[in-house]
Amino acid sequence: MQYWRIAGLNYIQFSAACARTVRRCLKSSMAKDAMKREESYVRVNKWQGGKISDQVHAPSKPWAANILTLLVWQ
C-alpha cells in the first residue's frame, strides 16, 4: 500500500502537497509565479431537468487541485 494512503490522503491531496512543497523550495525570483499556481477554486453546479440551474463558487481549499468541479443532482 502507498504511504500516502496510510496517511489518510487520496492521490489528489498527495500530489497537491508535493507540488506545494516544491513551490516553497524555489528561489524567490521563481517562487512568486509558482505560488500563483497554488490557488484553486471549487465550482459547484446544481442540475435540474438535465440543465444547470445554479452555479456556486466556493472558497479555495488547500487540498484542492487546480480546478475541481462537483456536480450536484436533484
Protein backbone atom coordinates (compact mmCIF):
# COMPACT_ATOMS: atom_id res chain seq x y z
CA MET A 1 0.00 0.00 0.00
CA GLN A 2 1.21 3.51 -0.78
CA TYR A 3 2.35 5.58 2.18
CA TRP A 4 0.03 8.45 1.26
CA ARG A 5 -2.95 6.11 1.58
CA ILE A 6 -1.74 5.00 5.01
CA ALA A 7 -1.62 8.69 5.99
CA GLY A 8 -5.31 9.00 5.02
CA LEU A 9 -4.80 11.03 1.82
CA ASN A 10 -6.12 10.40 -1.65
CA TYR A 11 -3.88 10.87 -4.70
CA ILE A 12 -5.13 14.40 -5.43
CA GLN A 13 -4.34 15.51 -1.87
CA PHE A 14 -0.93 13.85 -2.02
CA SER A 15 0.05 15.38 -5.37
CA ALA A 16 -1.14 18.84 -4.23
CA ALA A 17 1.01 18.57 -1.08
CA CYS A 18 4.04 17.54 -3.18
CA ALA A 19 3.53 20.43 -5.60
CA ARG A 20 3.15 22.89 -2.70
CA THR A 21 6.40 21.63 -1.15
CA VAL A 22 8.31 22.00 -4.43
CA ARG A 23 6.97 25.55 -4.92
CA ARG A 24 8.14 26.53 -1.44
CA CYS A 25 11.68 25.30 -2.24
CA LEU A 26 12.11 27.57 -5.27
CA LYS A 27 14.29 30.66 -5.33
CA SER A 28 12.36 33.85 -4.58
CA SER A 29 12.55 35.05 -8.20
CA MET A 30 10.64 31.99 -9.41
CA ALA A 31 8.56 31.43 -6.27
CA LYS A 32 6.15 34.34 -6.90
CA ASP A 33 4.99 32.93 -10.23
CA ALA A 34 4.79 29.40 -8.86
CA MET A 35 2.74 30.45 -5.81
CA LYS A 36 0.07 31.86 -8.15
CA ARG A 37 -0.44 28.33 -9.47
CA GLU A 38 -1.25 27.10 -5.97
CA GLU A 39 -4.54 29.00 -5.96
CA SER A 40 -7.57 26.91 -6.76
CA TYR A 41 -11.32 27.06 -6.61
CA VAL A 42 -14.26 24.73 -6.46
CA ARG A 43 -17.20 25.16 -8.80
CA VAL A 44 -20.49 23.55 -7.76
CA ASN A 45 -23.18 23.12 -10.41
CA LYS A 46 -26.75 22.33 -9.38
CA TRP A 47 -28.59 20.35 -12.05
CA GLN A 48 -32.37 20.17 -12.53
CA GLY A 49 -34.10 18.64 -15.52
CA GLY A 50 -30.84 17.98 -17.33
CA LYS A 51 -29.69 21.63 -17.21
CA ILE A 52 -27.57 23.68 -14.83
CA SER A 53 -29.88 25.72 -12.58
CA ASP A 54 -27.39 27.35 -10.16
CA GLN A 55 -23.65 27.94 -10.04
CA VAL A 56 -21.96 28.49 -6.70
CA HIS A 57 -18.27 29.38 -6.35
CA ALA A 58 -16.96 28.01 -3.07
CA PRO A 59 -13.82 29.40 -1.38
CA SER A 60 -10.41 27.88 -2.06
CA LYS A 61 -9.43 24.70 -0.28
CA PRO A 62 -5.75 23.97 0.39
CA TRP A 63 -6.12 20.33 -0.63
CA ALA A 64 -7.88 21.02 -3.92
CA ALA A 65 -6.30 20.53 -7.30
CA ASN A 66 -6.31 23.41 -9.77
CA ILE A 67 -10.00 23.05 -10.62
CA LEU A 68 -12.41 20.64 -9.01
CA THR A 69 -15.92 20.53 -10.41
CA LEU A 70 -18.66 19.00 -8.31
CA LEU A 71 -21.99 18.09 -9.83
CA VAL A 72 -25.00 18.14 -7.53
CA TRP A 73 -28.03 16.25 -8.84
CA GLN A 74 -31.56 16.72 -7.54
